[in-house]
Amino acid sequence: MTFPDGAAEVLPGAPTARAEVLRRIDELVRLVPDYPQPGILFRDIMPLLADAAAFADVIAEIAGRVDGPVDLVAGMEARGFLLAAPVAVALGAGVLPVRKAGKLPGPTAAQSYELEYGTATIEIHPSTVPAGARVLVIDDVLATGGTAAATVALLERCGAEVIGLSFLVELESLGGRELLTDRAIDVLLSVP
C-alpha cells in the first residue's frame, strides 16, 4: 500500500481544495488542556464531526489518498470508528472496530500496549479478519504510536496484511512514527 507522494501537496486538479480541508481541520479540532489528565493536550475532533461539509471533505480526502485495494478499514476505539466507517464505505470495504478490552463478546484476540498516560488492551474478533485481508488502519490522532503499533501487531497476528495507516492529526513532538517504521503512514495535518 502506498499513499500518493507528498502528503503536503495539493490534490491534482483542485489546487486549493487540500489547503481548504487542512484549514478547516485546524480550525475545527478543539484543543483541551489537561484532559484526560494533567499535562495532556487533548485534540477534540467533535466540532469537526459536527460540521457536515468539513466531515465529508475529510472523509473524501482520506479515501482519495488510498492507492490500491482495501478489504477492511480498522478503526481504533473510539474516535477511529467515526472515521473508519465512512472511509470503508467510500472504499467499498468492510469496517473492523478495534475495541477496548472487555467490549466484545465471544472469543477475541487481544494486544496490550503503553499509552502516553497509562496502559491499555485492545481486542478484535479474529473471525472477522480473513487470512490475507488487506487492512487500512485509521485513527484520529497519531501521538506516541502505541495504539497504532498494537493494532498493527494484533491484525497481523490474526493473519491480516496491514497496507497502511491513516491519521487525521499527527503530534510530531511525541514521535509516534518511531513505533511504525517501514509502514505506509498518511496524515492530513501534522502539528509540532
N, C-alpha and C. Protein backbone atom coordinates (compact mmCIF):
# COMPACT_ATOMS: atom_id res chain seq x y z
N MET A 1 0.85 -1.18 0.00
CA MET A 1 0.00 0.00 0.00
C MET A 1 0.88 1.23 0.00
N THR A 2 0.55 2.13 -0.84
CA THR A 2 1.23 3.41 -0.83
C THR A 2 0.18 4.49 -0.84
N PHE A 3 0.56 5.63 -0.30
CA PHE A 3 -0.27 6.80 -0.40
C PHE A 3 0.38 7.68 -1.45
N PRO A 4 -0.40 8.51 -2.12
CA PRO A 4 0.20 9.39 -3.12
C PRO A 4 1.37 10.16 -2.51
N ASP A 5 2.42 10.32 -3.28
CA ASP A 5 3.60 11.04 -2.80
C ASP A 5 3.24 12.44 -2.37
N GLY A 6 3.93 12.92 -1.34
CA GLY A 6 3.80 14.30 -0.93
C GLY A 6 2.54 14.59 -0.17
N ALA A 7 2.47 14.15 1.06
CA ALA A 7 1.27 14.38 1.87
C ALA A 7 0.93 15.86 1.95
N ALA A 8 1.92 16.74 1.75
CA ALA A 8 1.65 18.16 1.85
C ALA A 8 1.27 18.78 0.52
N GLU A 9 1.25 17.99 -0.54
CA GLU A 9 0.91 18.53 -1.85
C GLU A 9 -0.59 18.75 -1.98
N VAL A 10 -0.93 19.62 -2.91
CA VAL A 10 -2.33 19.91 -3.20
C VAL A 10 -2.88 18.82 -4.12
N LEU A 11 -4.16 18.50 -3.96
CA LEU A 11 -4.79 17.49 -4.81
C LEU A 11 -4.72 17.89 -6.27
N PRO A 12 -4.43 16.94 -7.17
CA PRO A 12 -4.40 17.26 -8.59
C PRO A 12 -5.77 17.77 -9.05
N GLY A 13 -5.75 18.81 -9.88
CA GLY A 13 -6.99 19.32 -10.43
C GLY A 13 -7.77 20.24 -9.50
N ALA A 14 -7.34 20.36 -8.26
CA ALA A 14 -8.04 21.23 -7.32
C ALA A 14 -7.01 21.90 -6.42
N PRO A 15 -6.30 22.90 -6.94
CA PRO A 15 -5.16 23.46 -6.22
C PRO A 15 -5.46 23.98 -4.83
N THR A 16 -6.67 24.43 -4.56
CA THR A 16 -6.94 24.97 -3.23
C THR A 16 -7.77 24.03 -2.36
N ALA A 17 -8.24 22.93 -2.91
CA ALA A 17 -9.12 22.03 -2.16
C ALA A 17 -8.42 21.46 -0.93
N ARG A 18 -7.20 20.96 -1.11
CA ARG A 18 -6.49 20.35 0.00
C ARG A 18 -6.17 21.38 1.08
N ALA A 19 -5.73 22.55 0.66
CA ALA A 19 -5.41 23.61 1.62
C ALA A 19 -6.66 23.98 2.43
N GLU A 20 -7.80 24.00 1.78
CA GLU A 20 -9.04 24.34 2.48
C GLU A 20 -9.43 23.25 3.49
N VAL A 21 -9.25 21.98 3.11
CA VAL A 21 -9.54 20.88 4.04
C VAL A 21 -8.63 21.00 5.27
N LEU A 22 -7.35 21.25 5.05
CA LEU A 22 -6.41 21.37 6.17
C LEU A 22 -6.75 22.57 7.05
N ARG A 23 -7.13 23.68 6.42
CA ARG A 23 -7.50 24.86 7.19
C ARG A 23 -8.71 24.57 8.07
N ARG A 24 -9.70 23.85 7.52
CA ARG A 24 -10.90 23.52 8.29
C ARG A 24 -10.58 22.56 9.43
N ILE A 25 -9.70 21.59 9.19
CA ILE A 25 -9.29 20.68 10.27
C ILE A 25 -8.66 21.49 11.39
N ASP A 26 -7.71 22.35 11.03
CA ASP A 26 -7.01 23.16 12.02
C ASP A 26 -7.98 24.06 12.79
N GLU A 27 -8.95 24.59 12.10
CA GLU A 27 -9.93 25.48 12.70
C GLU A 27 -10.90 24.74 13.62
N LEU A 28 -11.31 23.54 13.24
CA LEU A 28 -12.38 22.83 13.94
C LEU A 28 -11.92 21.86 15.02
N VAL A 29 -10.68 21.39 14.97
CA VAL A 29 -10.20 20.49 16.02
C VAL A 29 -9.87 21.34 17.25
N ARG A 30 -10.61 21.12 18.30
CA ARG A 30 -10.51 21.92 19.53
C ARG A 30 -9.40 21.38 20.43
N LEU A 31 -8.62 22.27 21.02
CA LEU A 31 -7.57 21.89 21.97
C LEU A 31 -8.13 21.97 23.38
N VAL A 32 -7.97 20.86 24.14
CA VAL A 32 -8.47 20.79 25.51
C VAL A 32 -7.29 20.48 26.43
N PRO A 33 -6.80 21.49 27.17
CA PRO A 33 -5.66 21.24 28.06
C PRO A 33 -6.05 20.38 29.27
N ASP A 34 -5.07 19.59 29.71
CA ASP A 34 -5.19 18.79 30.93
C ASP A 34 -6.33 17.77 30.89
N TYR A 35 -6.55 17.19 29.70
CA TYR A 35 -7.55 16.14 29.56
C TYR A 35 -6.94 14.99 28.79
N PRO A 36 -7.08 13.75 29.23
CA PRO A 36 -7.86 13.24 30.36
C PRO A 36 -7.15 13.34 31.70
N GLN A 37 -5.93 13.88 31.69
CA GLN A 37 -5.23 14.09 32.96
C GLN A 37 -4.28 15.27 32.78
N PRO A 38 -3.79 15.83 33.88
CA PRO A 38 -2.91 17.00 33.80
C PRO A 38 -1.69 16.73 32.90
N GLY A 39 -1.37 17.74 32.11
CA GLY A 39 -0.22 17.66 31.22
C GLY A 39 -0.52 17.18 29.82
N ILE A 40 -1.73 16.65 29.58
CA ILE A 40 -2.11 16.16 28.26
C ILE A 40 -2.89 17.27 27.54
N LEU A 41 -2.54 17.55 26.29
CA LEU A 41 -3.29 18.48 25.46
C LEU A 41 -4.10 17.65 24.48
N PHE A 42 -5.37 17.48 24.79
CA PHE A 42 -6.27 16.61 24.03
C PHE A 42 -6.75 17.32 22.77
N ARG A 43 -6.80 16.59 21.66
CA ARG A 43 -7.34 17.10 20.39
C ARG A 43 -8.76 16.56 20.24
N ASP A 44 -9.74 17.44 20.36
CA ASP A 44 -11.16 17.07 20.29
C ASP A 44 -11.66 17.26 18.87
N ILE A 45 -12.00 16.15 18.18
CA ILE A 45 -12.46 16.23 16.80
C ILE A 45 -13.98 16.39 16.69
N MET A 46 -14.69 16.44 17.81
CA MET A 46 -16.15 16.50 17.76
C MET A 46 -16.67 17.73 16.99
N PRO A 47 -16.08 18.93 17.13
CA PRO A 47 -16.56 20.05 16.32
C PRO A 47 -16.40 19.79 14.81
N LEU A 48 -15.35 19.11 14.41
CA LEU A 48 -15.15 18.76 13.01
C LEU A 48 -16.24 17.79 12.54
N LEU A 49 -16.53 16.79 13.37
CA LEU A 49 -17.56 15.82 13.01
C LEU A 49 -18.94 16.46 12.91
N ALA A 50 -19.18 17.50 13.69
CA ALA A 50 -20.48 18.17 13.70
C ALA A 50 -20.69 19.08 12.49
N ASP A 51 -19.61 19.38 11.78
CA ASP A 51 -19.69 20.21 10.58
C ASP A 51 -19.79 19.28 9.38
N ALA A 52 -21.01 19.10 8.85
CA ALA A 52 -21.25 18.10 7.81
C ALA A 52 -20.35 18.27 6.60
N ALA A 53 -20.17 19.49 6.13
CA ALA A 53 -19.35 19.71 4.94
C ALA A 53 -17.89 19.40 5.21
N ALA A 54 -17.38 19.85 6.35
CA ALA A 54 -15.98 19.59 6.68
C ALA A 54 -15.74 18.10 6.89
N PHE A 55 -16.66 17.43 7.55
CA PHE A 55 -16.53 15.99 7.78
C PHE A 55 -16.52 15.24 6.46
N ALA A 56 -17.43 15.58 5.56
CA ALA A 56 -17.47 14.94 4.25
C ALA A 56 -16.18 15.17 3.48
N ASP A 57 -15.65 16.38 3.56
CA ASP A 57 -14.38 16.68 2.87
C ASP A 57 -13.22 15.87 3.45
N VAL A 58 -13.20 15.71 4.77
CA VAL A 58 -12.14 14.93 5.41
C VAL A 58 -12.22 13.46 4.97
N ILE A 59 -13.42 12.90 4.96
CA ILE A 59 -13.58 11.50 4.54
C ILE A 59 -13.15 11.33 3.09
N ALA A 60 -13.56 12.26 2.21
CA ALA A 60 -13.17 12.19 0.80
C ALA A 60 -11.65 12.31 0.66
N GLU A 61 -11.04 13.17 1.46
CA GLU A 61 -9.59 13.35 1.40
C GLU A 61 -8.86 12.08 1.84
N ILE A 62 -9.29 11.49 2.95
CA ILE A 62 -8.65 10.25 3.43
C ILE A 62 -8.81 9.15 2.40
N ALA A 63 -10.02 8.93 1.92
CA ALA A 63 -10.27 7.86 0.96
C ALA A 63 -9.55 8.10 -0.35
N GLY A 64 -9.47 9.36 -0.77
CA GLY A 64 -8.82 9.69 -2.02
C GLY A 64 -7.32 9.48 -2.03
N ARG A 65 -6.73 9.39 -0.87
CA ARG A 65 -5.29 9.19 -0.76
C ARG A 65 -4.89 7.71 -0.79
N VAL A 66 -5.85 6.82 -0.68
CA VAL A 66 -5.56 5.39 -0.64
C VAL A 66 -5.32 4.89 -2.06
N ASP A 67 -4.22 4.20 -2.23
CA ASP A 67 -3.84 3.68 -3.55
C ASP A 67 -3.78 2.16 -3.45
N GLY A 68 -4.73 1.51 -4.08
CA GLY A 68 -4.76 0.05 -4.07
C GLY A 68 -5.98 -0.48 -3.35
N PRO A 69 -6.27 -1.77 -3.55
CA PRO A 69 -7.47 -2.36 -2.95
C PRO A 69 -7.38 -2.49 -1.43
N VAL A 70 -8.52 -2.34 -0.79
CA VAL A 70 -8.64 -2.47 0.67
C VAL A 70 -9.81 -3.40 0.95
N ASP A 71 -9.60 -4.40 1.80
CA ASP A 71 -10.68 -5.31 2.20
C ASP A 71 -11.40 -4.82 3.44
N LEU A 72 -10.63 -4.32 4.41
CA LEU A 72 -11.19 -3.85 5.68
C LEU A 72 -10.53 -2.54 6.09
N VAL A 73 -11.31 -1.68 6.73
CA VAL A 73 -10.77 -0.47 7.34
C VAL A 73 -10.94 -0.64 8.84
N ALA A 74 -9.84 -0.70 9.55
CA ALA A 74 -9.86 -0.89 11.01
C ALA A 74 -9.81 0.47 11.69
N GLY A 75 -10.81 0.75 12.52
CA GLY A 75 -10.86 1.99 13.27
C GLY A 75 -10.64 1.70 14.74
N MET A 76 -9.75 2.47 15.35
CA MET A 76 -9.44 2.26 16.77
C MET A 76 -10.42 3.01 17.64
N GLU A 77 -10.85 2.35 18.72
CA GLU A 77 -11.84 2.93 19.63
C GLU A 77 -11.30 4.21 20.23
N ALA A 78 -12.12 5.17 20.30
CA ALA A 78 -13.48 5.27 19.82
C ALA A 78 -13.56 6.21 18.63
N ARG A 79 -12.76 7.26 18.60
CA ARG A 79 -12.87 8.23 17.52
C ARG A 79 -12.45 7.64 16.18
N GLY A 80 -11.59 6.64 16.18
CA GLY A 80 -11.23 5.97 14.93
C GLY A 80 -12.42 5.32 14.25
N PHE A 81 -13.41 4.87 15.05
CA PHE A 81 -14.63 4.29 14.48
C PHE A 81 -15.33 5.31 13.58
N LEU A 82 -15.37 6.55 14.06
CA LEU A 82 -16.12 7.60 13.38
C LEU A 82 -15.52 7.96 12.02
N LEU A 83 -14.23 7.73 11.87
CA LEU A 83 -13.56 7.97 10.59
C LEU A 83 -13.54 6.70 9.73
N ALA A 84 -13.35 5.57 10.37
CA ALA A 84 -13.19 4.31 9.62
C ALA A 84 -14.45 3.91 8.87
N ALA A 85 -15.61 4.04 9.50
CA ALA A 85 -16.84 3.57 8.86
C ALA A 85 -17.13 4.30 7.54
N PRO A 86 -17.13 5.63 7.50
CA PRO A 86 -17.41 6.28 6.22
C PRO A 86 -16.28 6.09 5.20
N VAL A 87 -15.04 5.98 5.65
CA VAL A 87 -13.94 5.71 4.72
C VAL A 87 -14.11 4.32 4.12
N ALA A 88 -14.51 3.35 4.94
CA ALA A 88 -14.74 1.99 4.44
C ALA A 88 -15.83 2.01 3.36
N VAL A 89 -16.91 2.72 3.60
CA VAL A 89 -17.99 2.81 2.61
C VAL A 89 -17.45 3.44 1.32
N ALA A 90 -16.68 4.51 1.45
CA ALA A 90 -16.13 5.19 0.27
C ALA A 90 -15.20 4.28 -0.53
N LEU A 91 -14.50 3.37 0.17
CA LEU A 91 -13.56 2.47 -0.50
C LEU A 91 -14.19 1.14 -0.91
N GLY A 92 -15.46 0.92 -0.56
CA GLY A 92 -16.10 -0.36 -0.86
C GLY A 92 -15.53 -1.49 -0.03
N ALA A 93 -15.13 -1.18 1.19
CA ALA A 93 -14.52 -2.16 2.10
C ALA A 93 -15.41 -2.36 3.32
N GLY A 94 -15.11 -3.40 4.08
CA GLY A 94 -15.78 -3.61 5.36
C GLY A 94 -15.09 -2.78 6.43
N VAL A 95 -15.77 -2.63 7.56
CA VAL A 95 -15.19 -1.89 8.67
C VAL A 95 -14.94 -2.84 9.83
N LEU A 96 -13.81 -2.65 10.50
CA LEU A 96 -13.42 -3.51 11.62
C LEU A 96 -13.13 -2.64 12.84
N PRO A 97 -14.06 -2.60 13.80
CA PRO A 97 -13.79 -1.84 15.02
C PRO A 97 -12.75 -2.55 15.89
N VAL A 98 -11.73 -1.81 16.29
CA VAL A 98 -10.72 -2.32 17.22
C VAL A 98 -11.13 -1.78 18.58
N ARG A 99 -11.58 -2.70 19.46
CA ARG A 99 -12.25 -2.31 20.71
C ARG A 99 -11.32 -2.37 21.91
N LYS A 100 -11.68 -1.62 22.94
CA LYS A 100 -11.02 -1.72 24.23
C LYS A 100 -11.38 -3.07 24.84
N ALA A 101 -10.53 -3.58 25.71
CA ALA A 101 -10.74 -4.89 26.33
C ALA A 101 -12.08 -4.96 27.04
N GLY A 102 -12.73 -6.11 26.90
CA GLY A 102 -13.98 -6.37 27.60
C GLY A 102 -15.23 -5.86 26.90
N LYS A 103 -15.11 -5.32 25.70
CA LYS A 103 -16.26 -4.75 24.99
C LYS A 103 -16.85 -5.70 23.96
N LEU A 104 -16.14 -6.77 23.62
CA LEU A 104 -16.61 -7.71 22.61
C LEU A 104 -17.01 -9.04 23.23
N PRO A 105 -18.13 -9.62 22.80
CA PRO A 105 -18.50 -10.96 23.28
C PRO A 105 -17.71 -12.03 22.54
N GLY A 106 -17.73 -13.21 23.11
CA GLY A 106 -17.14 -14.37 22.42
C GLY A 106 -15.63 -14.35 22.38
N PRO A 107 -15.06 -15.26 21.60
CA PRO A 107 -13.60 -15.34 21.53
C PRO A 107 -13.01 -14.09 20.89
N THR A 108 -11.97 -13.58 21.52
CA THR A 108 -11.29 -12.39 20.99
C THR A 108 -9.79 -12.63 20.97
N ALA A 109 -9.12 -11.82 20.17
CA ALA A 109 -7.66 -11.74 20.20
C ALA A 109 -7.33 -10.39 20.80
N ALA A 110 -6.33 -10.33 21.66
CA ALA A 110 -6.02 -9.11 22.40
C ALA A 110 -4.55 -8.73 22.27
N GLN A 111 -4.29 -7.44 22.45
CA GLN A 111 -2.93 -6.90 22.45
C GLN A 111 -2.87 -5.78 23.47
N SER A 112 -1.92 -5.86 24.40
CA SER A 112 -1.72 -4.79 25.39
C SER A 112 -0.60 -3.88 24.92
N TYR A 113 -0.62 -2.63 25.39
CA TYR A 113 0.38 -1.64 24.97
C TYR A 113 0.42 -0.48 25.95
N GLU A 114 1.44 0.36 25.79
CA GLU A 114 1.62 1.55 26.61
C GLU A 114 1.03 2.76 25.92
N LEU A 115 0.34 3.61 26.67
CA LEU A 115 -0.15 4.90 26.20
C LEU A 115 0.76 6.00 26.72
N GLU A 116 0.53 7.23 26.24
CA GLU A 116 1.30 8.34 26.79
C GLU A 116 0.89 8.64 28.23
N TYR A 117 -0.25 8.09 28.68
CA TYR A 117 -0.72 8.35 30.05
C TYR A 117 -1.23 7.09 30.75
N GLY A 118 -0.66 5.92 30.42
CA GLY A 118 -1.06 4.68 31.09
C GLY A 118 -0.86 3.47 30.20
N THR A 119 -1.63 2.41 30.47
CA THR A 119 -1.59 1.21 29.64
C THR A 119 -3.02 0.86 29.21
N ALA A 120 -3.11 0.06 28.16
CA ALA A 120 -4.43 -0.35 27.66
C ALA A 120 -4.31 -1.67 26.92
N THR A 121 -5.45 -2.27 26.65
CA THR A 121 -5.53 -3.50 25.86
C THR A 121 -6.63 -3.32 24.82
N ILE A 122 -6.35 -3.77 23.61
CA ILE A 122 -7.34 -3.73 22.54
C ILE A 122 -7.69 -5.15 22.12
N GLU A 123 -8.88 -5.31 21.53
CA GLU A 123 -9.34 -6.63 21.09
C GLU A 123 -10.08 -6.53 19.78
N ILE A 124 -10.08 -7.64 19.05
CA ILE A 124 -10.92 -7.82 17.87
C ILE A 124 -11.43 -9.25 17.88
N HIS A 125 -12.45 -9.50 17.06
CA HIS A 125 -12.86 -10.87 16.81
C HIS A 125 -11.98 -11.39 15.68
N PRO A 126 -11.11 -12.35 15.93
CA PRO A 126 -10.24 -12.82 14.86
C PRO A 126 -11.00 -13.43 13.68
N SER A 127 -12.21 -13.90 13.93
CA SER A 127 -13.00 -14.49 12.85
C SER A 127 -13.45 -13.46 11.82
N THR A 128 -13.36 -12.16 12.15
CA THR A 128 -13.76 -11.12 11.20
C THR A 128 -12.60 -10.67 10.32
N VAL A 129 -11.44 -11.31 10.49
CA VAL A 129 -10.26 -10.94 9.70
C VAL A 129 -9.85 -12.14 8.86
N PRO A 130 -10.32 -12.20 7.61
CA PRO A 130 -9.91 -13.32 6.76
C PRO A 130 -8.40 -13.32 6.54
N ALA A 131 -7.82 -14.49 6.44
CA ALA A 131 -6.38 -14.60 6.19
C ALA A 131 -6.02 -13.81 4.94
N GLY A 132 -5.01 -12.98 5.06
CA GLY A 132 -4.54 -12.19 3.93
C GLY A 132 -5.35 -10.94 3.64
N ALA A 133 -6.33 -10.63 4.49
CA ALA A 133 -7.15 -9.43 4.26
C ALA A 133 -6.25 -8.20 4.26
N ARG A 134 -6.48 -7.34 3.29
CA ARG A 134 -5.74 -6.07 3.17
C ARG A 134 -6.45 -5.03 4.03
N VAL A 135 -5.78 -4.57 5.07
CA VAL A 135 -6.42 -3.71 6.06
C VAL A 135 -5.74 -2.34 6.13
N LEU A 136 -6.56 -1.30 6.07
CA LEU A 136 -6.13 0.07 6.31
C LEU A 136 -6.53 0.41 7.74
N VAL A 137 -5.59 0.92 8.53
CA VAL A 137 -5.84 1.29 9.92
C VAL A 137 -6.03 2.80 10.00
N ILE A 138 -7.09 3.22 10.70
CA ILE A 138 -7.41 4.65 10.81
C ILE A 138 -7.64 5.02 12.27
N ASP A 139 -7.11 6.21 12.63
CA ASP A 139 -7.42 6.80 13.92
C ASP A 139 -7.39 8.31 13.77
N ASP A 140 -7.90 9.01 14.78
CA ASP A 140 -7.94 10.46 14.70
C ASP A 140 -6.57 11.09 14.91
N VAL A 141 -5.80 10.59 15.89
CA VAL A 141 -4.53 11.22 16.24
C VAL A 141 -3.42 10.19 16.34
N LEU A 142 -2.28 10.51 15.74
CA LEU A 142 -1.05 9.74 15.95
C LEU A 142 -0.25 10.51 16.99
N ALA A 143 -0.16 9.97 18.19
CA ALA A 143 0.58 10.60 19.28
C ALA A 143 1.87 9.81 19.51
N THR A 144 1.90 8.96 20.51
CA THR A 144 3.11 8.17 20.79
C THR A 144 3.22 6.94 19.90
N GLY A 145 2.13 6.58 19.23
CA GLY A 145 2.15 5.43 18.33
C GLY A 145 1.81 4.11 18.97
N GLY A 146 1.60 4.09 20.28
CA GLY A 146 1.34 2.84 20.98
C GLY A 146 0.08 2.13 20.52
N THR A 147 -1.02 2.87 20.39
CA THR A 147 -2.27 2.25 19.97
C THR A 147 -2.16 1.73 18.54
N ALA A 148 -1.55 2.53 17.68
CA ALA A 148 -1.40 2.12 16.28
C ALA A 148 -0.51 0.90 16.15
N ALA A 149 0.62 0.89 16.86
CA ALA A 149 1.53 -0.26 16.79
C ALA A 149 0.87 -1.52 17.33
N ALA A 150 0.10 -1.38 18.40
CA ALA A 150 -0.61 -2.53 18.97
C ALA A 150 -1.67 -3.04 17.99
N THR A 151 -2.34 -2.13 17.32
CA THR A 151 -3.36 -2.52 16.34
C THR A 151 -2.72 -3.28 15.19
N VAL A 152 -1.60 -2.78 14.68
CA VAL A 152 -0.89 -3.45 13.60
C VAL A 152 -0.47 -4.86 14.04
N ALA A 153 0.12 -4.96 15.22
CA ALA A 153 0.57 -6.27 15.73
C ALA A 153 -0.60 -7.24 15.86
N LEU A 154 -1.72 -6.76 16.40
CA LEU A 154 -2.90 -7.60 16.58
C LEU A 154 -3.46 -8.07 15.24
N LEU A 155 -3.60 -7.16 14.30
CA LEU A 155 -4.13 -7.54 12.99
C LEU A 155 -3.22 -8.53 12.28
N GLU A 156 -1.93 -8.31 12.33
CA GLU A 156 -1.00 -9.23 11.67
C GLU A 156 -0.98 -10.59 12.34
N ARG A 157 -1.12 -10.61 13.65
CA ARG A 157 -1.20 -11.88 14.37
C ARG A 157 -2.44 -12.67 13.96
N CYS A 158 -3.49 -11.95 13.55
CA CYS A 158 -4.72 -12.60 13.11
C CYS A 158 -4.71 -12.92 11.62
N GLY A 159 -3.59 -12.66 10.94
CA GLY A 159 -3.45 -13.03 9.54
C GLY A 159 -3.70 -11.95 8.52
N ALA A 160 -3.90 -10.71 8.96
CA ALA A 160 -4.15 -9.61 8.04
C ALA A 160 -2.84 -9.07 7.48
N GLU A 161 -2.95 -8.38 6.36
CA GLU A 161 -1.85 -7.61 5.80
C GLU A 161 -2.20 -6.15 6.00
N VAL A 162 -1.48 -5.47 6.88
CA VAL A 162 -1.74 -4.06 7.13
C VAL A 162 -1.05 -3.28 6.02
N ILE A 163 -1.86 -2.64 5.18
CA ILE A 163 -1.32 -1.98 3.99
C ILE A 163 -1.05 -0.50 4.20
N GLY A 164 -1.48 0.06 5.31
CA GLY A 164 -1.21 1.45 5.60
C GLY A 164 -1.96 1.93 6.81
N LEU A 165 -1.54 3.10 7.30
CA LEU A 165 -2.20 3.74 8.44
C LEU A 165 -2.51 5.18 8.05
N SER A 166 -3.68 5.65 8.45
CA SER A 166 -4.10 7.00 8.14
C SER A 166 -4.58 7.69 9.41
N PHE A 167 -4.15 8.94 9.57
CA PHE A 167 -4.50 9.72 10.76
C PHE A 167 -4.96 11.11 10.34
N LEU A 168 -5.90 11.63 11.09
CA LEU A 168 -6.36 12.99 10.87
C LEU A 168 -5.27 13.98 11.27
N VAL A 169 -4.70 13.80 12.47
CA VAL A 169 -3.69 14.71 13.01
C VAL A 169 -2.52 13.90 13.55
N GLU A 170 -1.31 14.39 13.33
CA GLU A 170 -0.11 13.81 13.93
C GLU A 170 0.51 14.83 14.87
N LEU A 171 0.80 14.40 16.10
CA LEU A 171 1.52 15.23 17.07
C LEU A 171 3.00 14.87 16.93
N GLU A 172 3.70 15.58 16.09
CA GLU A 172 5.08 15.23 15.72
C GLU A 172 6.01 15.12 16.92
N SER A 173 5.84 15.99 17.91
CA SER A 173 6.76 16.03 19.05
C SER A 173 6.73 14.75 19.88
N LEU A 174 5.67 13.94 19.74
CA LEU A 174 5.56 12.71 20.53
C LEU A 174 6.20 11.51 19.84
N GLY A 175 6.63 11.66 18.60
CA GLY A 175 7.42 10.62 17.93
C GLY A 175 6.72 9.32 17.64
N GLY A 176 5.42 9.33 17.40
CA GLY A 176 4.68 8.10 17.16
C GLY A 176 5.15 7.30 15.96
N ARG A 177 5.71 7.95 14.97
CA ARG A 177 6.20 7.24 13.78
C ARG A 177 7.32 6.27 14.10
N GLU A 178 8.03 6.53 15.18
CA GLU A 178 9.16 5.67 15.55
C GLU A 178 8.72 4.23 15.84
N LEU A 179 7.50 4.05 16.29
CA LEU A 179 6.98 2.70 16.54
C LEU A 179 6.40 2.07 15.28
N LEU A 180 6.35 2.84 14.21
CA LEU A 180 5.69 2.38 12.98
C LEU A 180 6.64 2.42 11.78
N THR A 181 7.90 2.14 12.03
CA THR A 181 8.88 2.19 10.95
C THR A 181 8.51 1.19 9.86
N ASP A 182 8.86 1.52 8.65
CA ASP A 182 8.59 0.68 7.47
C ASP A 182 7.10 0.49 7.22
N ARG A 183 6.29 1.43 7.65
CA ARG A 183 4.84 1.40 7.42
C ARG A 183 4.45 2.58 6.56
N ALA A 184 3.49 2.38 5.68
CA ALA A 184 2.92 3.50 4.91
C ALA A 184 2.00 4.28 5.85
N ILE A 185 2.35 5.52 6.09
CA ILE A 185 1.58 6.37 7.01
C ILE A 185 1.16 7.63 6.27
N ASP A 186 -0.12 7.96 6.39
CA ASP A 186 -0.63 9.18 5.80
C ASP A 186 -1.29 9.99 6.90
N VAL A 187 -1.01 11.28 6.92
CA VAL A 187 -1.53 12.20 7.93
C VAL A 187 -2.08 13.41 7.20
N LEU A 188 -3.27 13.85 7.58
CA LEU A 188 -3.81 15.05 6.94
C LEU A 188 -3.18 16.32 7.49
N LEU A 189 -2.97 16.38 8.81
CA LEU A 189 -2.42 17.60 9.41
C LEU A 189 -1.40 17.22 10.47
N SER A 190 -0.17 17.71 10.31
CA SER A 190 0.88 17.49 11.31
C SER A 190 1.05 18.77 12.12
N VAL A 191 1.16 18.59 13.44
CA VAL A 191 1.40 19.74 14.32
C VAL A 191 2.61 19.43 15.18
N PRO A 192 3.37 20.47 15.54
CA PRO A 192 4.58 20.23 16.37
C PRO A 192 4.27 19.60 17.71
